[in-house]
Protein backbone atom coordinates (compact mmCIF):
# COMPACT_ATOMS: atom_id res chain seq x y z
CA MET A 1 0.00 0.00 0.00
CA PHE A 2 2.28 2.85 1.25
CA TYR A 3 6.04 2.51 1.17
CA GLU A 4 9.23 4.43 0.49
CA VAL A 5 11.68 3.76 -2.29
CA GLU A 6 15.00 5.20 -3.39
CA LEU A 7 14.89 6.38 -6.99
CA LEU A 8 17.29 7.78 -9.56
CA ARG A 9 16.17 10.24 -12.21
CA GLU A 10 18.09 12.18 -14.85
CA VAL A 11 17.09 15.84 -14.64
CA ALA A 12 17.61 17.87 -17.79
CA VAL A 13 18.63 21.50 -17.53
CA LEU A 14 18.48 23.42 -20.78
CA ALA A 15 21.55 25.44 -21.68
CA GLU A 16 19.51 28.66 -21.53
CA ASN A 17 18.92 28.06 -17.78
CA LEU A 18 22.61 27.94 -16.91
CA ASP A 19 24.19 31.09 -15.53
CA ARG A 20 27.23 32.81 -17.02
CA ASP A 21 29.60 30.41 -15.28
CA LYS A 22 27.65 27.42 -16.66
CA LEU A 23 26.28 26.67 -13.17
CA VAL A 24 22.77 25.93 -11.94
CA SER A 25 21.35 25.97 -8.41
CA SER A 26 20.36 22.75 -6.64
CA ARG A 27 16.97 24.38 -5.96
CA PHE A 28 16.38 24.65 -9.73
CA ILE A 29 17.33 20.98 -10.21
CA VAL A 30 14.96 19.86 -7.44
CA THR A 31 12.16 21.97 -8.94
CA ARG A 32 12.71 20.29 -12.33
CA LEU A 33 12.70 16.87 -10.61
CA LEU A 34 9.34 17.61 -8.94
CA GLU A 35 7.87 18.87 -12.22
CA GLY A 36 8.97 15.64 -13.90
CA LEU A 37 7.41 13.45 -11.19
CA LEU A 38 4.19 15.46 -11.36
CA SER A 39 3.88 14.84 -15.10
CA GLU A 40 4.91 11.18 -14.72
CA LYS A 41 2.26 10.74 -11.94
CA ALA A 42 2.51 6.96 -11.55
CA ASP A 43 4.42 3.87 -12.57
CA GLU A 44 2.94 0.43 -13.20
CA ASP A 45 5.45 -1.35 -10.94
CA LEU A 46 5.95 1.31 -8.26
CA GLY A 47 2.52 2.96 -7.98
CA TYR A 48 1.73 6.65 -7.49
CA PHE A 49 4.45 9.17 -6.62
CA LEU A 50 3.11 10.89 -3.49
CA ALA A 51 5.99 12.92 -2.06
CA VAL A 52 9.73 13.33 -2.22
CA THR A 53 10.81 12.62 1.36
CA GLY A 54 14.52 13.13 1.03
CA LEU A 55 17.19 14.24 -1.39
CA LYS A 56 20.19 11.90 -1.26
CA ARG A 57 22.49 13.27 -3.92
CA ILE A 58 22.73 15.44 -7.01
CA GLY A 59 25.45 14.05 -9.24
CA LYS A 60 27.80 15.90 -11.53
CA GLY A 61 26.06 17.17 -14.66
CA GLU A 62 26.99 15.83 -18.05
CA VAL A 63 26.84 18.16 -21.03
CA VAL A 64 25.11 16.88 -24.15
CA ARG A 65 27.19 17.67 -27.20
CA ASN A 66 25.72 20.01 -29.81
CA SER A 67 22.91 21.35 -27.58
CA GLY A 68 24.84 22.37 -24.47
CA ASP A 69 22.06 20.98 -22.26
CA VAL A 70 23.13 19.37 -18.98
CA PHE A 71 21.76 16.16 -17.41
CA PHE A 72 22.10 15.71 -13.65
CA PRO A 73 21.63 12.30 -11.98
CA VAL A 74 19.48 12.83 -8.85
CA VAL A 75 19.04 10.17 -6.14
CA PHE A 76 16.10 10.72 -3.79
CA ASN A 77 13.59 8.97 -1.53
CA CYS A 78 9.95 9.00 -2.55
CA ARG A 79 6.76 7.93 -0.75
CA MET A 80 4.65 5.69 -2.99
CA PHE A 81 1.11 4.30 -3.00
CA LEU A 82 0.48 0.98 -4.73
CA PRO A 83 -2.88 -0.73 -4.10
CA HIS A 84 -3.02 -4.54 -3.99
CA LYS A 85 -5.78 -7.12 -4.03
CA GLY A 86 -6.97 -7.72 -0.46
CA ASP A 87 -6.03 -4.27 0.89
CA ILE A 88 -8.63 -2.57 3.09
CA LEU A 89 -8.94 1.08 2.04
CA GLU A 90 -11.34 3.99 2.36
CA GLY A 91 -12.75 6.06 -0.47
CA VAL A 92 -15.25 8.85 -1.02
CA VAL A 93 -18.32 8.20 -3.19
CA HIS A 94 -18.49 10.59 -6.13
CA HIS A 95 -21.10 8.91 -8.39
CA VAL A 96 -24.05 6.64 -7.59
CA TYR A 97 -25.58 4.47 -10.32
CA ARG A 98 -28.05 1.58 -10.34
CA LEU A 99 -25.23 -0.90 -11.00
CA GLY A 100 -22.94 0.45 -8.25
CA VAL A 101 -20.92 3.42 -7.12
CA PHE A 102 -17.65 5.06 -8.10
CA LEU A 103 -15.27 6.06 -5.33
CA ARG A 104 -12.06 8.05 -5.15
CA CYS A 105 -9.32 6.71 -2.91
CA GLY A 106 -6.29 8.96 -2.52
CA PRO A 107 -4.74 9.39 -5.97
CA VAL A 108 -6.93 6.61 -7.44
CA LYS A 109 -9.84 8.26 -9.27
CA TYR A 110 -11.57 5.12 -10.50
CA VAL A 111 -12.75 2.63 -7.85
CA PHE A 112 -15.90 0.72 -8.82
CA LEU A 113 -18.04 -0.87 -6.12
CA SER A 114 -20.64 -3.06 -7.81
CA ALA A 115 -24.15 -3.38 -6.35
CA ARG A 116 -23.50 -7.14 -6.41
CA LYS A 117 -20.63 -6.69 -3.97
CA MET A 118 -22.78 -4.73 -1.47
CA PRO A 119 -24.68 -7.41 0.50
CA ASN A 120 -28.01 -6.30 2.02
CA TYR A 121 -27.97 -2.94 0.17
CA ARG A 122 -30.68 -1.95 -2.27
CA TYR A 123 -30.71 0.87 -4.79
CA VAL A 124 -33.21 3.66 -4.09
CA VAL A 125 -34.08 5.87 -7.07
CA GLY A 126 -34.52 9.60 -6.57
CA GLU A 127 -33.10 13.04 -7.19
CA LYS A 128 -30.15 11.92 -5.04
CA PRO A 129 -29.85 8.15 -5.60
CA VAL A 130 -28.65 6.06 -2.67
CA PHE A 131 -27.89 2.49 -1.67
CA LEU A 132 -29.76 1.73 1.55
CA HIS A 133 -28.78 -1.12 3.89
CA ASP A 134 -31.27 -3.19 5.88
CA ASP A 135 -30.06 -1.40 9.04
CA LEU A 136 -30.59 2.01 7.28
CA ALA A 137 -26.89 2.70 6.64
CA ARG A 138 -26.61 4.79 3.46
CA ILE A 139 -24.11 4.89 0.63
CA GLU A 140 -24.56 8.13 -1.27
CA LYS A 141 -22.49 10.93 -2.78
CA ASP A 142 -19.72 12.24 -0.47
CA VAL A 143 -19.96 9.31 1.98
CA VAL A 144 -16.68 7.69 3.07
CA VAL A 145 -16.77 3.93 2.52
CA ARG A 146 -14.33 1.31 3.84
CA PHE A 147 -13.85 -1.44 1.24
CA GLU A 148 -11.71 -4.40 0.27
CA VAL A 149 -9.78 -4.27 -3.00
CA LEU A 150 -10.91 -7.12 -5.29
CA GLY A 151 -8.65 -6.28 -8.19
CA VAL A 152 -6.29 -3.64 -9.55
CA ARG A 153 -5.64 -2.82 -13.20
CA TRP A 154 -3.02 -0.50 -14.68
CA ILE A 155 -4.18 1.68 -17.57
CA GLU A 156 -1.37 3.25 -19.59
CA ARG A 157 -3.60 5.16 -22.01
CA ARG A 158 -7.29 4.88 -22.75
CA GLU A 159 -9.31 7.86 -23.99
CA ASP A 160 -8.89 10.54 -21.26
CA ILE A 161 -7.20 8.21 -18.71
CA THR A 162 -3.41 8.32 -18.67
CA LYS A 163 -1.20 6.34 -16.29
CA GLU A 164 -3.84 5.37 -13.74
CA PHE A 165 -4.75 2.43 -11.60
CA MET A 166 -8.36 1.31 -11.56
CA MET A 167 -9.76 -0.83 -8.76
CA LEU A 168 -12.73 -3.10 -8.14
CA ALA A 169 -14.08 -3.03 -4.59
CA SER A 170 -16.25 -5.13 -2.31
CA LEU A 171 -18.12 -4.70 0.98
CA GLN A 172 -18.25 -8.44 1.58
CA GLY A 173 -16.41 -8.79 4.88
CA ASP A 174 -16.35 -7.57 8.45
CA LEU A 175 -16.26 -3.85 9.30
CA LEU A 176 -16.70 -2.76 5.67
CA GLY A 177 -19.20 -0.13 4.53
CA PRO A 178 -19.99 3.53 5.23
CA VAL A 179 -17.67 5.21 7.72
CA THR A 180 -19.21 8.68 7.73
CA GLY A 181 -22.31 10.24 6.27
CA PRO A 182 -22.37 13.25 3.93
CA ASP A 183 -22.73 15.56 6.95
CA GLY A 184 -19.51 14.15 8.45
CA LEU A 185 -21.15 12.34 11.36
CA ASP A 186 -19.91 8.86 12.18
CA LEU A 187 -22.51 6.21 11.52
């Protein structure tokens, strides 16, 4: 789920960003590293890049012939999030449909909880649709739900989804289901 890893990245500094003495500040290199991780977002094997927790070393830059650009090897620690089948997580409901609900869980935008995996819940149609449990617990928009991960799939590129994990969820198990209602009160 959450872990830390040591990574190495090559950070490119364009020749136009070097000062007169052909030097560049470490702050500029770290900023470029963070921009690169932000655009990279996630990795199939490592998971989502959450935070750089430590900078180990900035190596000596190597100049690329012809362009004058400089590449710096940077070693750093990074906190990662990689969901696995069987993990117990919490997510916030953002869409309710007859066939189930979509949740968001941290950086994961696409978590599907099928109505078939919600025992003793029934769909109630209305202006604000809801899944209602026999004991009156409700799963509706903005409710936090504790769930078990049934499966995880990596999507490199599909329509508007780029470098994302998608998960299937279940409420079949102990202590799974709504954690708080939309008003923030514990159920």
